[in-house]
Amino acid sequence: MTKYQNKYRIESTRLNECDYSNPWWYFVTINTKAHIEYFGIIEKEMMILNELAKVVEKCWLDIEKHFINTELDYYMILPNHIHGIIILNDTGRDVACNVSTE
């Protein structure tokens, strides 16, 4: 562990020798800062999404609209994080992003 601004931090868990732009299936976890439960509650073993979680869900589902070489597989929103699988497809093009110029 190294220090940044006098605080210990965990180094990236990414493999240095891996090119994460390669076509593949990637399991992604995104945590809230300080693991605060911003996205709702679990009640009777069911996740109840609040309004912020619904925004998170919409943003997740919109990934395919913004990046032409992606597909989304399963995802799960929990009170303080989201898990999901992003599939990067080989489009045979050098374009990684579908950005409108309008």
PDB file of N, CA and C in Angstrom:
ATOM      1  N   MET A   1       0.844  -1.182   0.000  1.00  0.00           N
ATOM      2  CA  MET A   1       0.000   0.000   0.000  1.00  0.00           C
ATOM      3  C   MET A   1       0.884   1.238   0.000  1.00  0.00           C
ATOM      4  N   THR A   2       0.413   2.232  -0.731  1.00  0.00           N
ATOM      5  CA  THR A   2       1.137   3.493  -0.768  1.00  0.00           C
ATOM      6  C   THR A   2       0.287   4.569  -0.099  1.00  0.00           C
ATOM      7  N   LYS A   3       0.896   5.718   0.069  1.00  0.00           N
ATOM      8  CA  LYS A   3       0.167   6.837   0.642  1.00  0.00           C
ATOM      9  C   LYS A   3      -0.109   7.874  -0.448  1.00  0.00           C
ATOM     10  N   TYR A   4      -1.282   8.478  -0.363  1.00  0.00           N
ATOM     11  CA  TYR A   4      -1.658   9.597  -1.212  1.00  0.00           C
ATOM     12  C   TYR A   4      -2.285  10.631  -0.300  1.00  0.00           C
ATOM     13  N   GLN A   5      -1.759  11.828  -0.315  1.00  0.00           N
ATOM     14  CA  GLN A   5      -2.216  12.910   0.561  1.00  0.00           C
ATOM     15  C   GLN A   5      -2.273  12.447   2.020  1.00  0.00           C
ATOM     16  N   ASN A   6      -1.215  11.760   2.437  1.00  0.00           N
ATOM     17  CA  ASN A   6      -1.042  11.285   3.810  1.00  0.00           C
ATOM     18  C   ASN A   6      -2.044  10.202   4.229  1.00  0.00           C
ATOM     19  N   LYS A   7      -2.694   9.553   3.271  1.00  0.00           N
ATOM     20  CA  LYS A   7      -3.626   8.475   3.588  1.00  0.00           C
ATOM     21  C   LYS A   7      -3.192   7.227   2.826  1.00  0.00           C
ATOM     22  N   TYR A   8      -3.343   6.078   3.470  1.00  0.00           N
ATOM     23  CA  TYR A   8      -3.049   4.829   2.790  1.00  0.00           C
ATOM     24  C   TYR A   8      -4.139   4.547   1.774  1.00  0.00           C
ATOM     25  N   ARG A   9      -3.739   3.995   0.661  1.00  0.00           N
ATOM     26  CA  ARG A   9      -4.714   3.635  -0.359  1.00  0.00           C
ATOM     27  C   ARG A   9      -4.339   2.295  -0.965  1.00  0.00           C
ATOM     28  N   ILE A  10      -5.337   1.600  -1.449  1.00  0.00           N
ATOM     29  CA  ILE A  10      -5.123   0.298  -2.071  1.00  0.00           C
ATOM     30  C   ILE A  10      -4.759   0.527  -3.536  1.00  0.00           C
ATOM     31  N   GLU A  11      -3.724  -0.153  -3.972  1.00  0.00           N
ATOM     32  CA  GLU A  11      -3.333  -0.060  -5.371  1.00  0.00           C
ATOM     33  C   GLU A  11      -4.419  -0.676  -6.246  1.00  0.00           C
ATOM     34  N   SER A  12      -4.396  -0.361  -7.496  1.00  0.00           N
ATOM     35  CA  SER A  12      -5.359  -0.911  -8.437  1.00  0.00           C
ATOM     36  C   SER A  12      -5.274  -2.435  -8.451  1.00  0.00           C
ATOM     37  N   THR A  13      -6.421  -3.068  -8.588  1.00  0.00           N
ATOM     38  CA  THR A  13      -6.438  -4.522  -8.684  1.00  0.00           C
ATOM     39  C   THR A  13      -6.303  -4.988 -10.131  1.00  0.00           C
ATOM     40  N   ARG A  14      -6.142  -4.053 -11.049  1.00  0.00           N
ATOM     41  CA  ARG A  14      -5.952  -4.409 -12.453  1.00  0.00           C
ATOM     42  C   ARG A  14      -4.598  -5.081 -12.641  1.00  0.00           C
ATOM     43  N   LEU A  15      -4.560  -6.019 -13.556  1.00  0.00           N
ATOM     44  CA  LEU A  15      -3.306  -6.669 -13.900  1.00  0.00           C
ATOM     45  C   LEU A  15      -2.529  -5.773 -14.850  1.00  0.00           C
ATOM     46  N   ASN A  16      -1.285  -5.488 -14.528  1.00  0.00           N
ATOM     47  CA  ASN A  16      -0.484  -4.594 -15.362  1.00  0.00           C
ATOM     48  C   ASN A  16      -0.300  -5.122 -16.776  1.00  0.00           C
ATOM     49  N   GLU A  17      -0.203  -6.443 -16.912  1.00  0.00           N
ATOM     50  CA  GLU A  17       0.065  -7.033 -18.225  1.00  0.00           C
ATOM     51  C   GLU A  17      -1.199  -7.242 -19.055  1.00  0.00           C
ATOM     52  N   CYS A  18      -2.358  -6.902 -18.534  1.00  0.00           N
ATOM     53  CA  CYS A  18      -3.619  -7.132 -19.246  1.00  0.00           C
ATOM     54  C   CYS A  18      -4.069  -5.867 -19.970  1.00  0.00           C
ATOM     55  N   ASP A  19      -4.478  -6.027 -21.231  1.00  0.00           N
ATOM     56  CA  ASP A  19      -5.032  -4.924 -22.007  1.00  0.00           C
ATOM     57  C   ASP A  19      -6.556  -4.993 -21.882  1.00  0.00           C
ATOM     58  N   TYR A  20      -7.129  -4.130 -21.063  1.00  0.00           N
ATOM     59  CA  TYR A  20      -8.558  -4.183 -20.790  1.00  0.00           C
ATOM     60  C   TYR A  20      -9.411  -3.633 -21.927  1.00  0.00           C
ATOM     61  N   SER A  21      -8.796  -3.274 -23.037  1.00  0.00           N
ATOM     62  CA  SER A  21      -9.570  -2.881 -24.209  1.00  0.00           C
ATOM     63  C   SER A  21      -9.815  -4.070 -25.127  1.00  0.00           C
ATOM     64  N   ASN A  22      -9.214  -5.228 -24.810  1.00  0.00           N
ATOM     65  CA  ASN A  22      -9.425  -6.426 -25.618  1.00  0.00           C
ATOM     66  C   ASN A  22     -10.869  -6.890 -25.533  1.00  0.00           C
ATOM     67  N   PRO A  23     -11.408  -7.400 -26.647  1.00  0.00           N
ATOM     68  CA  PRO A  23     -12.751  -7.971 -26.595  1.00  0.00           C
ATOM     69  C   PRO A  23     -12.796  -9.107 -25.575  1.00  0.00           C
ATOM     70  N   TRP A  24     -13.745  -9.037 -24.657  1.00  0.00           N
ATOM     71  CA  TRP A  24     -13.855 -10.046 -23.601  1.00  0.00           C
ATOM     72  C   TRP A  24     -15.064  -9.711 -22.744  1.00  0.00           C
ATOM     73  N   TRP A  25     -15.338 -10.533 -21.765  1.00  0.00           N
ATOM     74  CA  TRP A  25     -16.369 -10.284 -20.761  1.00  0.00           C
ATOM     75  C   TRP A  25     -15.667  -9.762 -19.507  1.00  0.00           C
ATOM     76  N   TYR A  26     -16.119  -8.627 -18.991  1.00  0.00           N
ATOM     77  CA  TYR A  26     -15.491  -8.014 -17.819  1.00  0.00           C
ATOM     78  C   TYR A  26     -16.511  -7.889 -16.690  1.00  0.00           C
ATOM     79  N   PHE A  27     -16.136  -8.384 -15.518  1.00  0.00           N
ATOM     80  CA  PHE A  27     -16.963  -8.256 -14.320  1.00  0.00           C
ATOM     81  C   PHE A  27     -16.557  -6.963 -13.626  1.00  0.00           C
ATOM     82  N   VAL A  28     -17.514  -6.067 -13.424  1.00  0.00           N
ATOM     83  CA  VAL A  28     -17.241  -4.735 -12.892  1.00  0.00           C
ATOM     84  C   VAL A  28     -17.972  -4.563 -11.564  1.00  0.00           C
ATOM     85  N   THR A  29     -17.291  -3.980 -10.591  1.00  0.00           N
ATOM     86  CA  THR A  29     -17.917  -3.587  -9.328  1.00  0.00           C
ATOM     87  C   THR A  29     -17.625  -2.114  -9.110  1.00  0.00           C
ATOM     88  N   ILE A  30     -18.659  -1.351  -8.818  1.00  0.00           N
ATOM     89  CA  ILE A  30     -18.495   0.078  -8.531  1.00  0.00           C
ATOM     90  C   ILE A  30     -19.068   0.315  -7.133  1.00  0.00           C
ATOM     91  N   ASN A  31     -18.227   0.816  -6.233  1.00  0.00           N
ATOM     92  CA  ASN A  31     -18.626   1.067  -4.843  1.00  0.00           C
ATOM     93  C   ASN A  31     -18.918   2.538  -4.619  1.00  0.00           C
ATOM     94  N   THR A  32     -19.811   2.813  -3.687  1.00  0.00           N
ATOM     95  CA  THR A  32     -20.042   4.192  -3.284  1.00  0.00           C
ATOM     96  C   THR A  32     -18.892   4.643  -2.370  1.00  0.00           C
ATOM     97  N   LYS A  33     -18.663   5.933  -2.325  1.00  0.00           N
ATOM     98  CA  LYS A  33     -17.621   6.465  -1.446  1.00  0.00           C
ATOM     99  C   LYS A  33     -17.973   6.132  -0.002  1.00  0.00           C
ATOM    100  N   ALA A  34     -16.995   5.631   0.722  1.00  0.00           N
ATOM    101  CA  ALA A  34     -17.128   5.263   2.136  1.00  0.00           C
ATOM    102  C   ALA A  34     -18.193   4.184   2.349  1.00  0.00           C
ATOM    103  N   HIS A  35     -18.560   3.491   1.288  1.00  0.00           N
ATOM    104  CA  HIS A  35     -19.549   2.399   1.344  1.00  0.00           C
ATOM    105  C   HIS A  35     -20.880   2.835   1.959  1.00  0.00           C
ATOM    106  N   ILE A  36     -21.223   4.087   1.717  1.00  0.00           N
ATOM    107  CA  ILE A  36     -22.507   4.602   2.220  1.00  0.00           C
ATOM    108  C   ILE A  36     -23.633   4.016   1.378  1.00  0.00           C
ATOM    109  N   GLU A  37     -24.706   3.607   2.024  1.00  0.00           N
ATOM    110  CA  GLU A  37     -25.820   2.949   1.333  1.00  0.00           C
ATOM    111  C   GLU A  37     -26.749   3.984   0.694  1.00  0.00           C
ATOM    112  N   TYR A  38     -26.362   4.430  -0.495  1.00  0.00           N
ATOM    113  CA  TYR A  38     -27.110   5.463  -1.205  1.00  0.00           C
ATOM    114  C   TYR A  38     -28.255   4.909  -2.056  1.00  0.00           C
ATOM    115  N   PHE A  39     -28.244   3.627  -2.408  1.00  0.00           N
ATOM    116  CA  PHE A  39     -29.098   3.118  -3.472  1.00  0.00           C
ATOM    117  C   PHE A  39     -30.384   2.432  -3.020  1.00  0.00           C
ATOM    118  N   GLY A  40     -30.658   2.401  -1.751  1.00  0.00           N
ATOM    119  CA  GLY A  40     -31.891   1.786  -1.286  1.00  0.00           C
ATOM    120  C   GLY A  40     -31.634   0.819  -0.147  1.00  0.00           C
ATOM    121  N   ILE A  41     -32.593  -0.071   0.071  1.00  0.00           N
ATOM    122  CA  ILE A  41     -32.500  -1.011   1.189  1.00  0.00           C
ATOM    123  C   ILE A  41     -32.865  -2.423   0.732  1.00  0.00           C
ATOM    124  N   ILE A  42     -32.411  -3.383   1.510  1.00  0.00           N
ATOM    125  CA  ILE A  42     -32.809  -4.771   1.287  1.00  0.00           C
ATOM    126  C   ILE A  42     -33.889  -5.084   2.310  1.00  0.00           C
ATOM    127  N   GLU A  43     -35.016  -5.534   1.798  1.00  0.00           N
ATOM    128  CA  GLU A  43     -36.165  -5.829   2.649  1.00  0.00           C
ATOM    129  C   GLU A  43     -36.725  -7.189   2.237  1.00  0.00           C
ATOM    130  N   LYS A  44     -36.807  -8.123   3.175  1.00  0.00           N
ATOM    131  CA  LYS A  44     -37.287  -9.482   2.904  1.00  0.00           C
ATOM    132  C   LYS A  44     -36.538 -10.106   1.726  1.00  0.00           C
ATOM    133  N   GLU A  45     -35.218  -9.959   1.747  1.00  0.00           N
ATOM    134  CA  GLU A  45     -34.307 -10.519   0.756  1.00  0.00           C
ATOM    135  C   GLU A  45     -34.500  -9.937  -0.648  1.00  0.00           C
ATOM    136  N   MET A  46     -35.140  -8.774  -0.747  1.00  0.00           N
ATOM    137  CA  MET A  46     -35.330  -8.095  -2.024  1.00  0.00           C
ATOM    138  C   MET A  46     -34.711  -6.703  -1.938  1.00  0.00           C
ATOM    139  N   MET A  47     -34.048  -6.285  -2.989  1.00  0.00           N
ATOM    140  CA  MET A  47     -33.477  -4.952  -3.046  1.00  0.00           C
ATOM    141  C   MET A  47     -34.555  -3.975  -3.482  1.00  0.00           C
ATOM    142  N   ILE A  48     -34.793  -2.961  -2.666  1.00  0.00           N
ATOM    143  CA  ILE A  48     -35.760  -1.910  -2.976  1.00  0.00           C
ATOM    144  C   ILE A  48     -34.962  -0.696  -3.440  1.00  0.00           C
ATOM    145  N   LEU A  49     -35.032  -0.404  -4.745  1.00  0.00           N
ATOM    146  CA  LEU A  49     -34.268   0.716  -5.311  1.00  0.00           C
ATOM    147  C   LEU A  49     -34.929   2.042  -4.961  1.00  0.00           C
ATOM    148  N   ASN A  50     -34.116   3.003  -4.552  1.00  0.00           N
ATOM    149  CA  ASN A  50     -34.633   4.355  -4.353  1.00  0.00           C
ATOM    150  C   ASN A  50     -34.448   5.135  -5.662  1.00  0.00           C
ATOM    151  N   GLU A  51     -34.761   6.413  -5.654  1.00  0.00           N
ATOM    152  CA  GLU A  51     -34.691   7.216  -6.883  1.00  0.00           C
ATOM    153  C   GLU A  51     -33.269   7.309  -7.431  1.00  0.00           C
ATOM    154  N   LEU A  52     -32.286   7.444  -6.554  1.00  0.00           N
ATOM    155  CA  LEU A  52     -30.900   7.515  -7.011  1.00  0.00           C
ATOM    156  C   LEU A  52     -30.489   6.204  -7.693  1.00  0.00           C
ATOM    157  N   ALA A  53     -30.905   5.093  -7.128  1.00  0.00           N
ATOM    158  CA  ALA A  53     -30.586   3.792  -7.721  1.00  0.00           C
ATOM    159  C   ALA A  53     -31.230   3.640  -9.090  1.00  0.00           C
ATOM    160  N   LYS A  54     -32.402   4.220  -9.264  1.00  0.00           N
ATOM    161  CA  LYS A  54     -33.055   4.169 -10.576  1.00  0.00           C
ATOM    162  C   LYS A  54     -32.270   4.967 -11.613  1.00  0.00           C
ATOM    163  N   VAL A  55     -31.653   6.055 -11.176  1.00  0.00           N
ATOM    164  CA  VAL A  55     -30.772   6.823 -12.066  1.00  0.00           C
ATOM    165  C   VAL A  55     -29.533   5.990 -12.409  1.00  0.00           C
ATOM    166  N   VAL A  56     -28.963   5.341 -11.409  1.00  0.00           N
ATOM    167  CA  VAL A  56     -27.805   4.470 -11.624  1.00  0.00           C
ATOM    168  C   VAL A  56     -28.160   3.370 -12.627  1.00  0.00           C
ATOM    169  N   GLU A  57     -29.320   2.767 -12.438  1.00  0.00           N
ATOM    170  CA  GLU A  57     -29.759   1.706 -13.345  1.00  0.00           C
ATOM    171  C   GLU A  57     -29.907   2.218 -14.774  1.00  0.00           C
ATOM    172  N   LYS A  58     -30.501   3.399 -14.936  1.00  0.00           N
ATOM    173  CA  LYS A  58     -30.651   3.985 -16.270  1.00  0.00           C
ATOM    174  C   LYS A  58     -29.289   4.248 -16.905  1.00  0.00           C
ATOM    175  N   CYS A  59     -28.363   4.782 -16.132  1.00  0.00           N
ATOM    176  CA  CYS A  59     -27.014   5.043 -16.651  1.00  0.00           C
ATOM    177  C   CYS A  59     -26.333   3.739 -17.069  1.00  0.00           C
ATOM    178  N   TRP A  60     -26.494   2.709 -16.258  1.00  0.00           N
ATOM    179  CA  TRP A  60     -25.907   1.404 -16.598  1.00  0.00           C
ATOM    180  C   TRP A  60     -26.487   0.909 -17.925  1.00  0.00           C
ATOM    181  N   LEU A  61     -27.799   0.949 -18.045  1.00  0.00           N
ATOM    182  CA  LEU A  61     -28.452   0.437 -19.247  1.00  0.00           C
ATOM    183  C   LEU A  61     -28.135   1.279 -20.483  1.00  0.00           C
ATOM    184  N   ASP A  62     -27.779   2.540 -20.283  1.00  0.00           N
ATOM    185  CA  ASP A  62     -27.439   3.428 -21.401  1.00  0.00           C
ATOM    186  C   ASP A  62     -26.016   3.228 -21.921  1.00  0.00           C
ATOM    187  N   ILE A  63     -25.206   2.431 -21.252  1.00  0.00           N
ATOM    188  CA  ILE A  63     -23.822   2.221 -21.694  1.00  0.00           C
ATOM    189  C   ILE A  63     -23.782   1.777 -23.157  1.00  0.00           C
ATOM    190  N   GLU A  64     -24.670   0.857 -23.527  1.00  0.00           N
ATOM    191  CA  GLU A  64     -24.684   0.356 -24.903  1.00  0.00           C
ATOM    192  C   GLU A  64     -24.999   1.443 -25.919  1.00  0.00           C
ATOM    193  N   LYS A  65     -25.726   2.469 -25.515  1.00  0.00           N
ATOM    194  CA  LYS A  65     -26.060   3.572 -26.426  1.00  0.00           C
ATOM    195  C   LYS A  65     -24.842   4.454 -26.711  1.00  0.00           C
ATOM    196  N   HIS A  66     -23.906   4.497 -25.782  1.00  0.00           N
ATOM    197  CA  HIS A  66     -22.758   5.385 -25.897  1.00  0.00           C
ATOM    198  C   HIS A  66     -21.506   4.713 -26.444  1.00  0.00           C
ATOM    199  N   PHE A  67     -21.418   3.406 -26.306  1.00  0.00           N
ATOM    200  CA  PHE A  67     -20.235   2.668 -26.751  1.00  0.00           C
ATOM    201  C   PHE A  67     -20.683   1.543 -27.670  1.00  0.00           C
ATOM    202  N   ILE A  68     -20.399   1.686 -28.956  1.00  0.00           N
ATOM    203  CA  ILE A  68     -20.946   0.781 -29.964  1.00  0.00           C
ATOM    204  C   ILE A  68     -20.447  -0.647 -29.851  1.00  0.00           C
ATOM    205  N   ASN A  69     -19.328  -0.853 -29.220  1.00  0.00           N
ATOM    206  CA  ASN A  69     -18.765  -2.207 -29.136  1.00  0.00           C
ATOM    207  C   ASN A  69     -19.102  -2.916 -27.825  1.00  0.00           C
ATOM    208  N   THR A  70     -20.096  -2.411 -27.088  1.00  0.00           N
ATOM    209  CA  THR A  70     -20.415  -3.034 -25.797  1.00  0.00           C
ATOM    210  C   THR A  70     -21.776  -3.711 -25.804  1.00  0.00           C
ATOM    211  N   GLU A  71     -21.878  -4.722 -24.967  1.00  0.00           N
ATOM    212  CA  GLU A  71     -23.154  -5.354 -24.619  1.00  0.00           C
ATOM    213  C   GLU A  71     -23.154  -5.478 -23.103  1.00  0.00           C
ATOM    214  N   LEU A  72     -24.332  -5.497 -22.548  1.00  0.00           N
ATOM    215  CA  LEU A  72     -24.454  -5.678 -21.102  1.00  0.00           C
ATOM    216  C   LEU A  72     -25.074  -7.029 -20.812  1.00  0.00           C
ATOM    217  N   ASP A  73     -24.551  -7.688 -19.810  1.00  0.00           N
ATOM    218  CA  ASP A  73     -25.110  -8.952 -19.363  1.00  0.00           C
ATOM    219  C   ASP A  73     -25.802  -8.663 -18.027  1.00  0.00           C
ATOM    220  N   TYR A  74     -25.762  -9.573 -17.121  1.00  0.00           N
ATOM    221  CA  TYR A  74     -26.421  -9.396 -15.827  1.00  0.00           C
ATOM    222  C   TYR A  74     -25.799  -8.248 -15.035  1.00  0.00           C
ATOM    223  N   TYR A  75     -26.628  -7.622 -14.218  1.00  0.00           N
ATOM    224  CA  TYR A  75     -26.156  -6.596 -13.284  1.00  0.00           C
ATOM    225  C   TYR A  75     -27.009  -6.665 -12.032  1.00  0.00           C
ATOM    226  N   MET A  76     -26.481  -6.111 -10.966  1.00  0.00           N
ATOM    227  CA  MET A  76     -27.207  -6.111  -9.700  1.00  0.00           C
ATOM    228  C   MET A  76     -26.837  -4.837  -8.943  1.00  0.00           C
ATOM    229  N   ILE A  77     -27.846  -4.128  -8.505  1.00  0.00           N
ATOM    230  CA  ILE A  77     -27.622  -2.933  -7.692  1.00  0.00           C
ATOM    231  C   ILE A  77     -27.930  -3.294  -6.246  1.00  0.00           C
ATOM    232  N   LEU A  78     -26.974  -3.019  -5.385  1.00  0.00           N
ATOM    233  CA  LEU A  78     -27.101  -3.264  -3.950  1.00  0.00           C
ATOM    234  C   LEU A  78     -27.025  -1.923  -3.228  1.00  0.00           C
ATOM    235  N   PRO A  79     -27.289  -1.882  -1.929  1.00  0.00           N
ATOM    236  CA  PRO A  79     -27.346  -0.585  -1.240  1.00  0.00           C
ATOM    237  C   PRO A  79     -26.115   0.310  -1.414  1.00  0.00           C
ATOM    238  N   ASN A  80     -24.915  -0.293  -1.485  1.00  0.00           N
ATOM    239  CA  ASN A  80     -23.721   0.561  -1.573  1.00  0.00           C
ATOM    240  C   ASN A  80     -22.788   0.216  -2.732  1.00  0.00           C
ATOM    241  N   HIS A  81     -23.274  -0.583  -3.678  1.00  0.00           N
ATOM    242  CA  HIS A  81     -22.452  -0.885  -4.848  1.00  0.00           C
ATOM    243  C   HIS A  81     -23.278  -1.512  -5.955  1.00  0.00           C
ATOM    244  N   ILE A  82     -22.669  -1.604  -7.117  1.00  0.00           N
ATOM    245  CA  ILE A  82     -23.301  -2.248  -8.260  1.00  0.00           C
ATOM    246  C   ILE A  82     -22.316  -3.249  -8.843  1.00  0.00           C
ATOM    247  N   HIS A  83     -22.833  -4.411  -9.243  1.00  0.00           N
ATOM    248  CA  HIS A  83     -22.045  -5.415  -9.957  1.00  0.00           C
ATOM    249  C   HIS A  83     -22.633  -5.527 -11.353  1.00  0.00           C
ATOM    250  N   GLY A  84     -21.782  -5.755 -12.319  1.00  0.00           N
ATOM    251  CA  GLY A  84     -22.298  -5.975 -13.655  1.00  0.00           C
ATOM    252  C   GLY A  84     -21.256  -6.604 -14.554  1.00  0.00           C
ATOM    253  N   ILE A  85     -21.734  -7.171 -15.645  1.00  0.00           N
ATOM    254  CA  ILE A  85     -20.848  -7.755 -16.648  1.00  0.00           C
ATOM    255  C   ILE A  85     -20.995  -6.942 -17.922  1.00  0.00           C
ATOM    256  N   ILE A  86     -19.868  -6.423 -18.383  1.00  0.00           N
ATOM    257  CA  ILE A  86     -19.809  -5.674 -19.638  1.00  0.00           C
ATOM    258  C   ILE A  86     -19.055  -6.523 -20.639  1.00  0.00           C
ATOM    259  N   ILE A  87     -19.637  -6.677 -21.808  1.00  0.00           N
ATOM    260  CA  ILE A  87     -19.002  -7.451 -22.870  1.00  0.00           C
ATOM    261  C   ILE A  87     -18.467  -6.476 -23.910  1.00  0.00           C
ATOM    262  N   LEU A  88     -17.153  -6.530 -24.142  1.00  0.00           N
ATOM    263  CA  LEU A  88     -16.546  -5.732 -25.206  1.00  0.00           C
ATOM    264  C   LEU A  88     -16.427  -6.618 -26.433  1.00  0.00           C
ATOM    265  N   ASN A  89     -17.076  -6.204 -27.506  1.00  0.00           N
ATOM    266  CA  ASN A  89     -17.043  -6.957 -28.751  1.00  0.00           C
ATOM    267  C   ASN A  89     -15.978  -6.397 -29.677  1.00  0.00           C
ATOM    268  N   ASP A  90     -15.455  -7.253 -30.517  1.00  0.00           N
ATOM    269  CA  ASP A  90     -14.480  -6.827 -31.517  1.00  0.00           C
ATOM    270  C   ASP A  90     -15.239  -6.305 -32.726  1.00  0.00           C
ATOM    271  N   THR A  91     -15.208  -5.008 -32.916  1.00  0.00           N
ATOM    272  CA  THR A  91     -15.918  -4.409 -34.044  1.00  0.00           C
ATOM    273  C   THR A  91     -15.028  -4.308 -35.269  1.00  0.00           C
ATOM    274  N   GLY A  92     -13.736  -4.548 -35.095  1.00  0.00           N
ATOM    275  CA  GLY A  92     -12.817  -4.409 -36.213  1.00  0.00           C
ATOM    276  C   GLY A  92     -12.579  -2.962 -36.590  1.00  0.00           C
ATOM    277  N   ARG A  93     -13.012  -2.055 -35.718  1.00  0.00           N
ATOM    278  CA  ARG A  93     -12.850  -0.624 -35.969  1.00  0.00           C
ATOM    279  C   ARG A  93     -12.037  -0.012 -34.840  1.00  0.00           C
ATOM    280  N   ASP A  94     -11.462   1.140 -35.122  1.00  0.00           N
ATOM    281  CA  ASP A  94     -10.693   1.846 -34.101  1.00  0.00           C
ATOM    282  C   ASP A  94     -11.561   2.799 -33.293  1.00  0.00           C
ATOM    283  N   VAL A  95     -12.866   2.760 -33.498  1.00  0.00           N
ATOM    284  CA  VAL A  95     -13.778   3.665 -32.809  1.00  0.00           C
ATOM    285  C   VAL A  95     -14.257   2.995 -31.529  1.00  0.00           C
ATOM    286  N   ALA A  96     -13.948   3.596 -30.395  1.00  0.00           N
ATOM    287  CA  ALA A  96     -14.334   3.028 -29.113  1.00  0.00           C
ATOM    288  C   ALA A  96     -15.566   3.694 -28.544  1.00  0.00           C
ATOM    289  N   CYS A  97     -15.939   4.821 -29.095  1.00  0.00           N
ATOM    290  CA  CYS A  97     -17.032   5.585 -28.511  1.00  0.00           C
ATOM    291  C   CYS A  97     -17.935   6.107 -29.622  1.00  0.00           C
ATOM    292  N   ASN A  98     -19.234   6.028 -29.414  1.00  0.00           N
ATOM    293  CA  ASN A  98     -20.208   6.537 -30.384  1.00  0.00           C
ATOM    294  C   ASN A  98     -20.725   7.860 -29.860  1.00  0.00           C
ATOM    295  N   VAL A  99     -20.013   8.942 -30.160  1.00  0.00           N
ATOM    296  CA  VAL A  99     -20.356  10.260 -29.642  1.00  0.00           C
ATOM    297  C   VAL A  99     -20.965  11.080 -30.754  1.00  0.00           C
ATOM    298  N   SER A 100     -22.098  11.665 -30.494  1.00  0.00           N
ATOM    299  CA  SER A 100     -22.762  12.506 -31.475  1.00  0.00           C
ATOM    300  C   SER A 100     -22.010  13.813 -31.625  1.00  0.00           C
ATOM    301  N   THR A 101     -21.905  14.299 -32.845  1.00  0.00           N
ATOM    302  CA  THR A 101     -21.218  15.577 -33.092  1.00  0.00           C
ATOM    303  C   THR A 101     -22.219  16.707 -33.258  1.00  0.00           C
ATOM    304  N   GLU A 102     -23.476  16.450 -32.969  1.00  0.00           N
ATOM    305  CA  GLU A 102     -24.513  17.484 -33.115  1.00  0.00           C
ATOM    306  C   GLU A 102     -24.441  18.503 -32.024  1.00  0.00           C
TER     307      GLU A 102
END
